[in-house]
N, C-alpha and C. Protein backbone atom coordinates (compact mmCIF):
# COMPACT_ATOMS: atom_id res chain seq x y z
N MET A 1 0.84 -1.19 0.00
CA MET A 1 0.00 0.00 0.00
C MET A 1 0.88 1.25 0.00
N LYS A 2 0.66 2.11 -0.95
CA LYS A 2 1.47 3.32 -1.09
C LYS A 2 0.68 4.56 -0.65
N TYR A 3 1.42 5.61 -0.34
CA TYR A 3 0.78 6.89 -0.05
C TYR A 3 1.51 7.98 -0.81
N CYS A 4 0.82 9.06 -1.01
CA CYS A 4 1.40 10.24 -1.64
C CYS A 4 0.88 11.47 -0.91
N SER A 5 1.80 12.28 -0.40
CA SER A 5 1.42 13.55 0.22
C SER A 5 1.66 14.65 -0.80
N LEU A 6 0.65 15.41 -1.12
CA LEU A 6 0.78 16.40 -2.18
C LEU A 6 0.05 17.68 -1.82
N GLU A 7 0.44 18.74 -2.51
CA GLU A 7 -0.22 20.04 -2.37
C GLU A 7 -0.76 20.45 -3.72
N LEU A 8 -2.02 20.85 -3.75
CA LEU A 8 -2.68 21.28 -4.98
C LEU A 8 -2.93 22.78 -4.95
N SER A 9 -2.61 23.42 -6.04
CA SER A 9 -2.84 24.86 -6.18
C SER A 9 -3.75 25.09 -7.38
N GLN A 10 -4.90 25.68 -7.13
CA GLN A 10 -5.87 25.92 -8.19
C GLN A 10 -5.81 27.38 -8.65
N PRO A 11 -6.08 27.63 -9.92
CA PRO A 11 -6.17 29.02 -10.38
C PRO A 11 -7.38 29.71 -9.76
N ASP A 12 -7.40 31.02 -9.78
CA ASP A 12 -8.48 31.78 -9.14
C ASP A 12 -9.86 31.35 -9.63
N TRP A 13 -10.01 31.12 -10.94
CA TRP A 13 -11.33 30.81 -11.48
C TRP A 13 -11.87 29.47 -10.98
N MET A 14 -11.01 28.61 -10.49
CA MET A 14 -11.41 27.28 -10.04
C MET A 14 -11.69 27.23 -8.54
N LEU A 15 -11.38 28.29 -7.82
CA LEU A 15 -11.51 28.28 -6.37
C LEU A 15 -12.96 28.30 -5.91
N HIS A 16 -13.22 27.58 -4.84
CA HIS A 16 -14.48 27.73 -4.11
C HIS A 16 -14.50 29.14 -3.52
N PRO A 17 -15.67 29.77 -3.39
CA PRO A 17 -15.71 31.13 -2.84
C PRO A 17 -15.00 31.28 -1.50
N MET A 18 -15.04 30.24 -0.64
CA MET A 18 -14.36 30.35 0.64
C MET A 18 -12.85 30.20 0.48
N GLN A 19 -12.42 29.45 -0.51
CA GLN A 19 -10.98 29.41 -0.81
C GLN A 19 -10.52 30.78 -1.30
N ARG A 20 -11.32 31.40 -2.14
CA ARG A 20 -10.97 32.73 -2.63
C ARG A 20 -10.91 33.73 -1.47
N PHE A 21 -11.80 33.54 -0.51
CA PHE A 21 -11.81 34.39 0.68
C PHE A 21 -10.50 34.22 1.45
N ILE A 22 -10.03 32.99 1.57
CA ILE A 22 -8.75 32.75 2.24
C ILE A 22 -7.61 33.42 1.49
N ARG A 23 -7.62 33.26 0.17
CA ARG A 23 -6.52 33.77 -0.65
C ARG A 23 -6.49 35.30 -0.68
N GLU A 24 -7.64 35.93 -0.66
CA GLU A 24 -7.70 37.37 -0.88
C GLU A 24 -7.74 38.20 0.40
N THR A 25 -7.90 37.56 1.56
CA THR A 25 -7.96 38.29 2.82
C THR A 25 -6.96 37.68 3.80
N ASP A 26 -6.80 38.35 4.93
CA ASP A 26 -5.96 37.80 5.99
C ASP A 26 -6.80 37.41 7.20
N VAL A 27 -8.06 37.10 6.97
CA VAL A 27 -8.99 36.76 8.05
C VAL A 27 -8.71 35.36 8.60
N VAL A 28 -8.41 34.41 7.71
CA VAL A 28 -8.23 33.02 8.10
C VAL A 28 -6.76 32.75 8.42
N ARG A 29 -6.52 32.27 9.64
CA ARG A 29 -5.16 31.95 10.05
C ARG A 29 -4.83 30.48 9.83
N TYR A 30 -5.84 29.62 9.92
CA TYR A 30 -5.63 28.18 9.73
C TYR A 30 -6.98 27.54 9.43
N GLU A 31 -6.97 26.57 8.52
CA GLU A 31 -8.21 25.85 8.22
C GLU A 31 -7.88 24.44 7.77
N GLU A 32 -8.65 23.48 8.28
CA GLU A 32 -8.49 22.10 7.83
C GLU A 32 -9.85 21.44 7.72
N LEU A 33 -9.98 20.61 6.70
CA LEU A 33 -11.18 19.79 6.50
C LEU A 33 -10.94 18.46 7.19
N GLN A 34 -11.74 18.16 8.22
CA GLN A 34 -11.48 16.99 9.05
C GLN A 34 -12.28 15.76 8.64
N ALA A 35 -13.48 15.96 8.10
CA ALA A 35 -14.32 14.82 7.71
C ALA A 35 -15.34 15.29 6.70
N TRP A 36 -15.81 14.35 5.86
CA TRP A 36 -16.78 14.72 4.83
C TRP A 36 -17.57 13.50 4.38
N ASN A 37 -18.73 13.78 3.82
CA ASN A 37 -19.59 12.75 3.26
C ASN A 37 -20.30 13.34 2.05
N VAL A 38 -20.24 12.66 0.92
CA VAL A 38 -20.83 13.16 -0.32
C VAL A 38 -22.00 12.27 -0.72
N GLU A 39 -23.16 12.88 -0.95
CA GLU A 39 -24.35 12.15 -1.38
C GLU A 39 -24.49 12.20 -2.89
N THR A 40 -25.14 11.19 -3.43
CA THR A 40 -25.51 11.24 -4.84
C THR A 40 -26.89 11.87 -4.96
N GLY A 41 -27.18 12.36 -6.11
CA GLY A 41 -28.47 12.98 -6.33
C GLY A 41 -28.32 14.27 -7.12
N ALA A 42 -29.40 14.96 -7.28
CA ALA A 42 -29.40 16.22 -8.03
C ALA A 42 -30.18 17.25 -7.22
N PRO A 43 -29.53 18.29 -6.70
CA PRO A 43 -28.08 18.47 -6.81
C PRO A 43 -27.32 17.54 -5.87
N GLN A 44 -26.06 17.30 -6.17
CA GLN A 44 -25.23 16.48 -5.29
C GLN A 44 -24.82 17.32 -4.10
N LEU A 45 -25.05 16.78 -2.91
CA LEU A 45 -24.74 17.51 -1.68
C LEU A 45 -23.57 16.87 -0.97
N GLU A 46 -22.82 17.69 -0.25
CA GLU A 46 -21.73 17.18 0.57
C GLU A 46 -21.81 17.82 1.96
N TYR A 47 -21.50 17.02 2.96
CA TYR A 47 -21.51 17.44 4.35
C TYR A 47 -20.07 17.40 4.85
N GLU A 48 -19.63 18.50 5.43
CA GLU A 48 -18.22 18.61 5.77
C GLU A 48 -18.03 19.23 7.15
N LEU A 49 -16.98 18.78 7.82
CA LEU A 49 -16.61 19.32 9.11
C LEU A 49 -15.23 19.96 9.00
N PHE A 50 -15.16 21.25 9.28
CA PHE A 50 -13.92 22.00 9.24
C PHE A 50 -13.52 22.44 10.65
N TYR A 51 -12.22 22.52 10.87
CA TYR A 51 -11.72 23.27 12.02
C TYR A 51 -11.08 24.53 11.45
N VAL A 52 -11.45 25.70 12.02
CA VAL A 52 -11.01 26.97 11.47
C VAL A 52 -10.49 27.87 12.59
N GLU A 53 -9.42 28.56 12.31
CA GLU A 53 -8.97 29.64 13.17
C GLU A 53 -9.01 30.91 12.34
N ALA A 54 -9.95 31.80 12.71
CA ALA A 54 -10.19 33.00 11.91
C ALA A 54 -10.99 33.99 12.75
N ASP A 55 -11.10 35.19 12.22
CA ASP A 55 -11.98 36.19 12.81
C ASP A 55 -13.41 35.80 12.43
N ARG A 56 -14.21 35.49 13.43
CA ARG A 56 -15.50 34.84 13.16
C ARG A 56 -16.46 35.70 12.34
N GLU A 57 -16.61 36.95 12.68
CA GLU A 57 -17.63 37.76 12.03
C GLU A 57 -17.42 37.91 10.53
N PRO A 58 -16.22 38.31 10.06
CA PRO A 58 -16.04 38.39 8.61
C PRO A 58 -16.09 37.02 7.93
N TYR A 59 -15.65 35.97 8.65
CA TYR A 59 -15.71 34.63 8.07
C TYR A 59 -17.17 34.22 7.87
N GLU A 60 -18.01 34.48 8.87
CA GLU A 60 -19.41 34.09 8.76
C GLU A 60 -20.13 34.93 7.71
N ARG A 61 -19.76 36.18 7.57
CA ARG A 61 -20.37 37.00 6.51
C ARG A 61 -20.03 36.42 5.14
N ALA A 62 -18.80 35.94 4.99
CA ALA A 62 -18.40 35.32 3.72
C ALA A 62 -19.19 34.05 3.46
N LEU A 63 -19.43 33.25 4.49
CA LEU A 63 -20.26 32.04 4.35
C LEU A 63 -21.65 32.39 3.84
N GLU A 64 -22.21 33.43 4.41
CA GLU A 64 -23.58 33.82 4.05
C GLU A 64 -23.70 34.21 2.58
N ARG A 65 -22.62 34.62 1.98
CA ARG A 65 -22.66 35.06 0.57
C ARG A 65 -22.51 33.91 -0.42
N VAL A 66 -22.23 32.71 0.06
CA VAL A 66 -22.00 31.56 -0.83
C VAL A 66 -23.32 30.87 -1.13
N ASP A 67 -23.79 30.99 -2.37
CA ASP A 67 -25.08 30.42 -2.76
C ASP A 67 -25.10 28.89 -2.69
N LEU A 68 -23.94 28.26 -2.83
CA LEU A 68 -23.87 26.80 -2.81
C LEU A 68 -24.22 26.22 -1.44
N ILE A 69 -24.03 26.99 -0.40
CA ILE A 69 -24.23 26.50 0.96
C ILE A 69 -25.72 26.45 1.29
N GLN A 70 -26.18 25.23 1.64
CA GLN A 70 -27.58 25.03 2.03
C GLN A 70 -27.83 25.48 3.47
N TRP A 71 -26.93 25.07 4.35
CA TRP A 71 -26.99 25.47 5.75
C TRP A 71 -25.64 25.20 6.39
N TYR A 72 -25.41 25.80 7.54
CA TYR A 72 -24.18 25.54 8.28
C TYR A 72 -24.43 25.72 9.77
N ASP A 73 -23.55 25.12 10.55
CA ASP A 73 -23.58 25.26 12.00
C ASP A 73 -22.15 25.57 12.44
N LEU A 74 -21.99 26.67 13.13
CA LEU A 74 -20.67 27.12 13.54
C LEU A 74 -20.60 27.11 15.06
N THR A 75 -19.61 26.38 15.61
CA THR A 75 -19.47 26.24 17.06
C THR A 75 -18.13 26.79 17.52
N GLN A 76 -18.16 27.85 18.29
CA GLN A 76 -16.94 28.46 18.82
C GLN A 76 -16.38 27.58 19.93
N ILE A 77 -15.07 27.35 19.92
CA ILE A 77 -14.47 26.52 20.97
C ILE A 77 -13.48 27.30 21.83
N ASP A 78 -12.94 28.37 21.31
CA ASP A 78 -12.13 29.28 22.10
C ASP A 78 -12.12 30.63 21.39
N GLU A 79 -11.29 31.54 21.85
CA GLU A 79 -11.33 32.90 21.31
C GLU A 79 -11.04 32.96 19.82
N GLY A 80 -10.15 32.08 19.36
CA GLY A 80 -9.73 32.18 17.96
C GLY A 80 -10.14 31.03 17.06
N GLY A 81 -10.76 29.98 17.63
CA GLY A 81 -11.04 28.80 16.82
C GLY A 81 -12.47 28.33 16.91
N PHE A 82 -12.96 27.71 15.84
CA PHE A 82 -14.32 27.18 15.83
C PHE A 82 -14.41 26.02 14.85
N TYR A 83 -15.46 25.21 15.04
CA TYR A 83 -15.79 24.15 14.10
C TYR A 83 -16.91 24.61 13.19
N LEU A 84 -16.82 24.22 11.94
CA LEU A 84 -17.84 24.54 10.96
C LEU A 84 -18.38 23.25 10.37
N TYR A 85 -19.67 23.00 10.58
CA TYR A 85 -20.36 21.86 9.97
C TYR A 85 -21.25 22.44 8.88
N VAL A 86 -21.04 22.02 7.65
CA VAL A 86 -21.68 22.69 6.53
C VAL A 86 -22.25 21.68 5.53
N CYS A 87 -23.39 22.02 4.97
CA CYS A 87 -23.98 21.27 3.86
C CYS A 87 -23.98 22.18 2.63
N GLN A 88 -23.41 21.70 1.55
CA GLN A 88 -23.36 22.54 0.35
C GLN A 88 -23.44 21.69 -0.90
N GLU A 89 -23.80 22.32 -1.99
CA GLU A 89 -23.84 21.65 -3.29
C GLU A 89 -22.42 21.47 -3.81
N THR A 90 -22.19 20.33 -4.45
CA THR A 90 -20.89 20.04 -5.05
C THR A 90 -20.74 20.80 -6.36
N ARG A 91 -19.59 21.43 -6.53
CA ARG A 91 -19.35 22.22 -7.74
C ARG A 91 -18.80 21.33 -8.86
N GLU A 92 -19.11 21.70 -10.11
CA GLU A 92 -18.58 20.98 -11.26
C GLU A 92 -17.06 21.04 -11.29
N GLU A 93 -16.49 22.17 -10.86
CA GLU A 93 -15.03 22.32 -10.87
C GLU A 93 -14.35 21.31 -9.94
N ASP A 94 -15.05 20.93 -8.87
CA ASP A 94 -14.48 19.96 -7.95
C ASP A 94 -14.69 18.53 -8.44
N LEU A 95 -15.83 18.28 -9.09
CA LEU A 95 -16.08 16.94 -9.60
C LEU A 95 -15.02 16.50 -10.59
N GLU A 96 -14.52 17.45 -11.36
CA GLU A 96 -13.56 17.13 -12.42
C GLU A 96 -12.31 16.46 -11.88
N TRP A 97 -11.78 16.98 -10.76
CA TRP A 97 -10.54 16.36 -10.26
C TRP A 97 -10.81 15.30 -9.19
N ARG A 98 -11.96 15.37 -8.53
CA ARG A 98 -12.27 14.37 -7.51
C ARG A 98 -12.61 13.00 -8.10
N ASP A 99 -13.13 12.99 -9.32
CA ASP A 99 -13.56 11.73 -9.93
C ASP A 99 -12.43 10.69 -9.95
N GLY A 100 -11.20 11.18 -10.14
CA GLY A 100 -10.08 10.26 -10.18
C GLY A 100 -9.89 9.50 -8.88
N LEU A 101 -10.24 10.11 -7.77
CA LEU A 101 -10.08 9.46 -6.47
C LEU A 101 -10.99 8.24 -6.35
N SER A 102 -12.23 8.36 -6.79
CA SER A 102 -13.17 7.25 -6.66
C SER A 102 -12.96 6.20 -7.74
N THR A 103 -12.74 6.62 -8.97
CA THR A 103 -12.59 5.65 -10.05
C THR A 103 -11.30 4.85 -9.92
N LEU A 104 -10.30 5.40 -9.25
CA LEU A 104 -9.03 4.70 -9.07
C LEU A 104 -8.94 3.99 -7.72
N ASP A 105 -10.03 3.95 -6.98
CA ASP A 105 -10.08 3.28 -5.67
C ASP A 105 -9.03 3.83 -4.71
N LEU A 106 -8.93 5.14 -4.68
CA LEU A 106 -7.98 5.79 -3.78
C LEU A 106 -8.71 6.35 -2.56
N VAL A 107 -7.99 6.49 -1.46
CA VAL A 107 -8.55 6.99 -0.22
C VAL A 107 -7.78 8.24 0.20
N VAL A 108 -8.51 9.30 0.54
CA VAL A 108 -7.89 10.50 1.10
C VAL A 108 -7.89 10.38 2.61
N VAL A 109 -6.71 10.54 3.21
CA VAL A 109 -6.59 10.45 4.67
C VAL A 109 -6.70 11.86 5.25
N PRO A 110 -7.73 12.14 6.05
CA PRO A 110 -7.87 13.48 6.62
C PRO A 110 -6.79 13.76 7.66
N PRO A 111 -6.52 15.05 7.92
CA PRO A 111 -7.24 16.21 7.41
C PRO A 111 -6.67 16.70 6.08
N ILE A 112 -7.46 17.53 5.39
CA ILE A 112 -6.97 18.30 4.25
C ILE A 112 -6.71 19.70 4.77
N VAL A 113 -5.48 20.18 4.64
CA VAL A 113 -5.08 21.45 5.26
C VAL A 113 -4.92 22.52 4.20
N TYR A 114 -5.53 23.69 4.45
CA TYR A 114 -5.45 24.83 3.54
C TYR A 114 -4.44 25.83 4.08
N ASN A 115 -3.58 26.35 3.18
CA ASN A 115 -2.63 27.37 3.62
C ASN A 115 -3.17 28.76 3.28
N GLU A 116 -2.33 29.78 3.52
CA GLU A 116 -2.81 31.16 3.35
C GLU A 116 -3.10 31.53 1.90
N HIS A 117 -2.63 30.70 0.96
CA HIS A 117 -2.90 30.95 -0.46
C HIS A 117 -4.09 30.13 -0.95
N ALA A 118 -4.75 29.41 -0.02
CA ALA A 118 -5.89 28.54 -0.34
C ALA A 118 -5.46 27.30 -1.09
N ASN A 119 -4.13 27.03 -1.17
CA ASN A 119 -3.68 25.74 -1.66
C ASN A 119 -3.97 24.71 -0.57
N PHE A 120 -4.17 23.46 -0.95
CA PHE A 120 -4.48 22.48 0.09
C PHE A 120 -3.59 21.24 -0.04
N SER A 121 -3.21 20.74 1.14
CA SER A 121 -2.34 19.57 1.24
C SER A 121 -3.15 18.38 1.70
N MET A 122 -2.88 17.22 1.11
CA MET A 122 -3.60 16.02 1.52
C MET A 122 -2.73 14.79 1.28
N THR A 123 -3.09 13.71 1.96
CA THR A 123 -2.42 12.43 1.80
C THR A 123 -3.39 11.46 1.16
N VAL A 124 -2.96 10.82 0.08
CA VAL A 124 -3.80 9.88 -0.66
C VAL A 124 -3.16 8.50 -0.59
N VAL A 125 -3.97 7.48 -0.35
CA VAL A 125 -3.48 6.11 -0.20
C VAL A 125 -4.08 5.21 -1.27
N GLY A 126 -3.26 4.31 -1.80
CA GLY A 126 -3.71 3.36 -2.80
C GLY A 126 -2.53 2.62 -3.39
N THR A 127 -2.72 2.02 -4.55
CA THR A 127 -1.60 1.36 -5.21
C THR A 127 -0.70 2.40 -5.87
N GLY A 128 0.57 2.05 -6.04
CA GLY A 128 1.48 2.97 -6.69
C GLY A 128 1.03 3.33 -8.09
N GLU A 129 0.51 2.35 -8.82
CA GLU A 129 0.06 2.60 -10.20
C GLU A 129 -1.10 3.58 -10.22
N ASN A 130 -2.06 3.40 -9.31
CA ASN A 130 -3.22 4.29 -9.28
C ASN A 130 -2.85 5.69 -8.83
N LEU A 131 -1.89 5.81 -7.92
CA LEU A 131 -1.44 7.13 -7.50
C LEU A 131 -0.79 7.87 -8.66
N ARG A 132 0.02 7.16 -9.44
CA ARG A 132 0.65 7.78 -10.61
C ARG A 132 -0.42 8.21 -11.62
N THR A 133 -1.42 7.37 -11.82
CA THR A 133 -2.50 7.70 -12.75
C THR A 133 -3.25 8.94 -12.28
N LEU A 134 -3.48 9.04 -10.97
CA LEU A 134 -4.15 10.22 -10.43
C LEU A 134 -3.36 11.48 -10.74
N LEU A 135 -2.07 11.46 -10.45
CA LEU A 135 -1.23 12.65 -10.67
C LEU A 135 -1.19 13.04 -12.14
N GLU A 136 -1.11 12.03 -13.00
CA GLU A 136 -1.05 12.31 -14.44
C GLU A 136 -2.39 12.81 -14.98
N GLY A 137 -3.49 12.44 -14.32
CA GLY A 137 -4.81 12.77 -14.84
C GLY A 137 -5.44 14.03 -14.27
N LEU A 138 -4.76 14.69 -13.34
CA LEU A 138 -5.32 15.92 -12.78
C LEU A 138 -5.41 16.99 -13.86
N PRO A 139 -6.39 17.87 -13.78
CA PRO A 139 -6.52 18.94 -14.79
C PRO A 139 -5.25 19.76 -14.90
N GLU A 140 -4.91 20.15 -16.12
CA GLU A 140 -3.68 20.92 -16.34
C GLU A 140 -3.67 22.24 -15.58
N ALA A 141 -4.84 22.76 -15.28
CA ALA A 141 -4.91 24.05 -14.59
C ALA A 141 -4.46 23.95 -13.14
N ILE A 142 -4.42 22.74 -12.58
CA ILE A 142 -4.03 22.55 -11.19
C ILE A 142 -2.54 22.26 -11.11
N ASP A 143 -1.83 23.06 -10.34
CA ASP A 143 -0.40 22.81 -10.08
C ASP A 143 -0.28 21.82 -8.93
N VAL A 144 0.56 20.81 -9.10
CA VAL A 144 0.72 19.76 -8.10
C VAL A 144 2.16 19.72 -7.62
N SER A 145 2.32 19.70 -6.31
CA SER A 145 3.63 19.54 -5.69
C SER A 145 3.58 18.29 -4.81
N VAL A 146 4.44 17.31 -5.11
CA VAL A 146 4.49 16.07 -4.33
C VAL A 146 5.50 16.24 -3.20
N ASP A 147 5.02 16.17 -1.97
CA ASP A 147 5.89 16.35 -0.81
C ASP A 147 6.59 15.06 -0.41
N ALA A 148 5.88 13.94 -0.50
CA ALA A 148 6.47 12.66 -0.10
C ALA A 148 5.66 11.53 -0.71
N ILE A 149 6.33 10.39 -0.91
CA ILE A 149 5.67 9.20 -1.44
C ILE A 149 6.39 7.99 -0.90
N GLY A 150 5.66 6.93 -0.59
CA GLY A 150 6.31 5.75 -0.04
C GLY A 150 5.29 4.76 0.48
N GLU A 151 5.76 3.80 1.30
CA GLU A 151 4.87 2.83 1.93
C GLU A 151 4.09 3.53 3.03
N TYR A 152 2.79 3.28 3.07
CA TYR A 152 1.93 3.98 4.03
C TYR A 152 2.04 3.34 5.41
N ASP A 153 2.24 4.19 6.43
CA ASP A 153 2.25 3.74 7.81
C ASP A 153 1.72 4.87 8.66
N ARG A 154 0.47 4.79 9.06
CA ARG A 154 -0.20 5.89 9.76
C ARG A 154 0.43 6.18 11.13
N ARG A 155 1.20 5.23 11.68
CA ARG A 155 1.81 5.48 12.98
C ARG A 155 2.67 6.72 12.97
N TYR A 156 3.23 7.05 11.80
CA TYR A 156 4.16 8.17 11.73
C TYR A 156 3.55 9.39 11.05
N ALA A 157 2.29 9.33 10.69
CA ALA A 157 1.63 10.46 10.04
C ALA A 157 0.92 11.28 11.11
N PRO A 158 0.62 12.55 10.88
CA PRO A 158 0.89 13.29 9.66
C PRO A 158 2.22 14.00 9.65
N ILE A 159 3.02 13.87 10.74
CA ILE A 159 4.27 14.62 10.81
C ILE A 159 5.38 13.94 10.02
N ALA A 160 5.58 12.65 10.28
CA ALA A 160 6.72 11.98 9.67
C ALA A 160 6.53 11.66 8.20
N ASP A 161 5.32 11.83 7.67
CA ASP A 161 5.16 11.54 6.24
C ASP A 161 5.82 12.60 5.38
N ALA A 162 6.40 13.63 6.03
CA ALA A 162 7.19 14.60 5.29
C ALA A 162 8.58 14.05 4.97
N LEU A 163 8.95 12.92 5.59
CA LEU A 163 10.30 12.38 5.46
C LEU A 163 10.37 11.31 4.37
N THR A 164 11.56 11.19 3.78
CA THR A 164 11.83 10.02 2.97
C THR A 164 12.08 8.84 3.91
N ASN A 165 12.01 7.62 3.40
CA ASN A 165 12.25 6.45 4.23
C ASN A 165 13.64 6.49 4.86
N ARG A 166 14.63 6.93 4.07
CA ARG A 166 16.00 6.96 4.57
C ARG A 166 16.17 8.02 5.66
N GLN A 167 15.51 9.15 5.51
CA GLN A 167 15.58 10.18 6.55
C GLN A 167 14.94 9.68 7.84
N PHE A 168 13.83 8.95 7.72
CA PHE A 168 13.20 8.40 8.91
C PHE A 168 14.13 7.41 9.59
N GLU A 169 14.78 6.56 8.80
CA GLU A 169 15.72 5.59 9.37
C GLU A 169 16.86 6.30 10.09
N ALA A 170 17.32 7.42 9.53
CA ALA A 170 18.41 8.16 10.15
C ALA A 170 17.99 8.75 11.49
N LEU A 171 16.79 9.32 11.55
CA LEU A 171 16.31 9.88 12.80
C LEU A 171 16.05 8.78 13.83
N GLU A 172 15.56 7.65 13.37
CA GLU A 172 15.33 6.52 14.27
C GLU A 172 16.66 6.03 14.85
N ALA A 173 17.68 5.93 13.99
CA ALA A 173 19.00 5.52 14.45
C ALA A 173 19.59 6.54 15.41
N ALA A 174 19.39 7.82 15.11
CA ALA A 174 19.89 8.88 15.98
C ALA A 174 19.27 8.80 17.37
N LEU A 175 17.98 8.48 17.42
CA LEU A 175 17.31 8.33 18.70
C LEU A 175 17.88 7.15 19.48
N GLU A 176 18.12 6.05 18.78
CA GLU A 176 18.61 4.83 19.43
C GLU A 176 20.01 5.01 20.02
N VAL A 177 20.86 5.78 19.35
CA VAL A 177 22.24 5.94 19.84
C VAL A 177 22.39 7.09 20.82
N GLY A 178 21.30 7.78 21.12
CA GLY A 178 21.36 8.86 22.09
C GLY A 178 21.74 10.21 21.53
N TYR A 179 21.58 10.37 20.22
CA TYR A 179 21.96 11.64 19.59
C TYR A 179 21.11 12.80 20.10
N PHE A 180 19.86 12.51 20.46
CA PHE A 180 18.95 13.57 20.89
C PHE A 180 18.89 13.73 22.41
N GLU A 181 19.69 12.93 23.13
CA GLU A 181 19.71 13.07 24.58
C GLU A 181 20.41 14.37 24.99
N VAL A 182 20.08 14.86 26.18
CA VAL A 182 20.74 16.06 26.72
C VAL A 182 21.35 15.69 28.08
N PRO A 183 22.70 15.63 28.20
CA PRO A 183 23.66 15.88 27.11
C PRO A 183 23.68 14.72 26.11
N ARG A 184 24.20 14.99 24.94
CA ARG A 184 24.22 14.01 23.85
C ARG A 184 25.07 12.81 24.21
N GLU A 185 24.52 11.61 23.97
CA GLU A 185 25.23 10.37 24.30
C GLU A 185 25.86 9.70 23.08
N GLY A 186 25.40 10.04 21.90
CA GLY A 186 25.94 9.48 20.67
C GLY A 186 26.06 10.54 19.61
N GLY A 187 27.00 10.36 18.70
CA GLY A 187 27.23 11.36 17.67
C GLY A 187 26.89 10.87 16.28
N VAL A 188 27.24 11.67 15.29
CA VAL A 188 26.94 11.35 13.90
C VAL A 188 27.64 10.06 13.48
N THR A 189 28.83 9.83 14.01
CA THR A 189 29.55 8.60 13.68
C THR A 189 28.76 7.37 14.10
N ASP A 190 28.13 7.46 15.27
CA ASP A 190 27.32 6.33 15.75
C ASP A 190 26.10 6.12 14.86
N VAL A 191 25.51 7.21 14.41
CA VAL A 191 24.37 7.12 13.50
C VAL A 191 24.81 6.46 12.19
N ALA A 192 25.97 6.88 11.69
CA ALA A 192 26.50 6.33 10.44
C ALA A 192 26.74 4.83 10.56
N THR A 193 27.23 4.41 11.72
CA THR A 193 27.47 2.98 11.95
C THR A 193 26.16 2.20 11.89
N GLU A 194 25.12 2.75 12.52
CA GLU A 194 23.82 2.08 12.51
C GLU A 194 23.27 1.97 11.09
N LEU A 195 23.50 3.00 10.30
CA LEU A 195 22.95 3.04 8.94
C LEU A 195 23.85 2.35 7.92
N GLY A 196 25.11 2.16 8.28
CA GLY A 196 26.05 1.57 7.33
C GLY A 196 26.42 2.53 6.21
N CYS A 197 26.62 3.79 6.56
CA CYS A 197 26.97 4.79 5.56
C CYS A 197 28.05 5.71 6.10
N ALA A 198 28.52 6.63 5.27
CA ALA A 198 29.54 7.58 5.68
C ALA A 198 28.96 8.58 6.69
N SER A 199 29.83 9.12 7.54
CA SER A 199 29.38 10.08 8.54
C SER A 199 28.77 11.32 7.89
N SER A 200 29.35 11.75 6.77
CA SER A 200 28.82 12.94 6.09
C SER A 200 27.40 12.68 5.58
N THR A 201 27.16 11.45 5.11
CA THR A 201 25.82 11.09 4.64
C THR A 201 24.83 11.05 5.79
N ALA A 202 25.27 10.44 6.91
CA ALA A 202 24.41 10.36 8.09
C ALA A 202 24.06 11.76 8.60
N ALA A 203 25.05 12.64 8.64
CA ALA A 203 24.82 14.01 9.12
C ALA A 203 23.80 14.72 8.24
N LEU A 204 23.90 14.54 6.93
CA LEU A 204 22.97 15.20 6.00
C LEU A 204 21.56 14.64 6.15
N LEU A 205 21.45 13.33 6.32
CA LEU A 205 20.14 12.71 6.49
C LEU A 205 19.46 13.20 7.77
N VAL A 206 20.21 13.26 8.85
CA VAL A 206 19.66 13.72 10.12
C VAL A 206 19.25 15.19 10.02
N GLN A 207 20.13 16.00 9.41
CA GLN A 207 19.85 17.43 9.28
C GLN A 207 18.60 17.68 8.45
N LYS A 208 18.51 17.03 7.29
CA LYS A 208 17.36 17.22 6.43
C LYS A 208 16.09 16.66 7.07
N GLY A 209 16.23 15.52 7.75
CA GLY A 209 15.08 14.94 8.43
C GLY A 209 14.54 15.84 9.52
N GLN A 210 15.44 16.42 10.31
CA GLN A 210 15.01 17.34 11.35
C GLN A 210 14.32 18.57 10.76
N ALA A 211 14.90 19.10 9.69
CA ALA A 211 14.33 20.29 9.06
C ALA A 211 12.92 20.02 8.55
N ARG A 212 12.73 18.87 7.90
CA ARG A 212 11.40 18.53 7.37
C ARG A 212 10.39 18.31 8.49
N MET A 213 10.84 17.64 9.56
CA MET A 213 9.94 17.38 10.68
C MET A 213 9.47 18.67 11.32
N VAL A 214 10.40 19.59 11.54
CA VAL A 214 10.05 20.85 12.19
C VAL A 214 9.10 21.66 11.31
N LYS A 215 9.39 21.72 10.00
CA LYS A 215 8.52 22.47 9.10
C LYS A 215 7.12 21.87 9.08
N ARG A 216 7.01 20.54 9.03
CA ARG A 216 5.70 19.91 9.01
C ARG A 216 4.99 20.10 10.35
N LEU A 217 5.75 19.98 11.46
CA LEU A 217 5.17 20.16 12.78
C LEU A 217 4.58 21.55 12.95
N ILE A 218 5.36 22.57 12.60
CA ILE A 218 4.88 23.93 12.74
C ILE A 218 3.71 24.19 11.79
N GLY A 219 3.84 23.72 10.57
CA GLY A 219 2.78 23.95 9.59
C GLY A 219 1.49 23.26 9.94
N HIS A 220 1.57 22.07 10.58
CA HIS A 220 0.37 21.29 10.86
C HIS A 220 -0.31 21.68 12.16
N TYR A 221 0.50 22.01 13.17
CA TYR A 221 -0.07 22.22 14.49
C TYR A 221 -0.06 23.66 14.97
N HIS A 222 0.70 24.52 14.27
CA HIS A 222 0.73 25.92 14.71
C HIS A 222 -0.61 26.56 14.41
N ARG A 223 -1.18 27.19 15.36
CA ARG A 223 -2.46 27.87 15.18
C ARG A 223 -2.28 29.37 15.24
């Protein structure tokens, strides 16, 4: 079973009105789609649960202007964050790229995280062949950046899926030899011995692995 962590960037004309709101304002500080359910029918409806950190009043005014939204329920949980449960009609622009997920028997692992440009990151699980077909079949208007790909293991997601397998092995070896202890009990040479590689290679793997972990950690959990 393979996974692919990727970021999709849509042109302005393809954005959902709330994505455009994220891209064009500084109201939303963080947003993730945590769960969803899509019904068949006409019109096709989808039910979604978001966690949002934003200024509530302008965000809710933007929701009210979206004709696709049938209804929503917004629950404040602290001063800066709230949950949004929403029912809305599915857009044709979204059907075009989503169809590949169902026809290729792929699974999206939540959450789907939106950044300040309204680009969204997600992890997709399936066979390697189907993942390649998905990437090749996405609309040309969508820019795709692949962050990581490999054997799927949820124990290390969503933070460690930013790492290559070799970087993960290097960090695991560093932990085992005491590289991260205070004071440090093992050095890069010990990591290299565990990995069976040169010290310079081990140092680079640990350094890059740490950098990716920190960036993913801050990006995923910083509110």
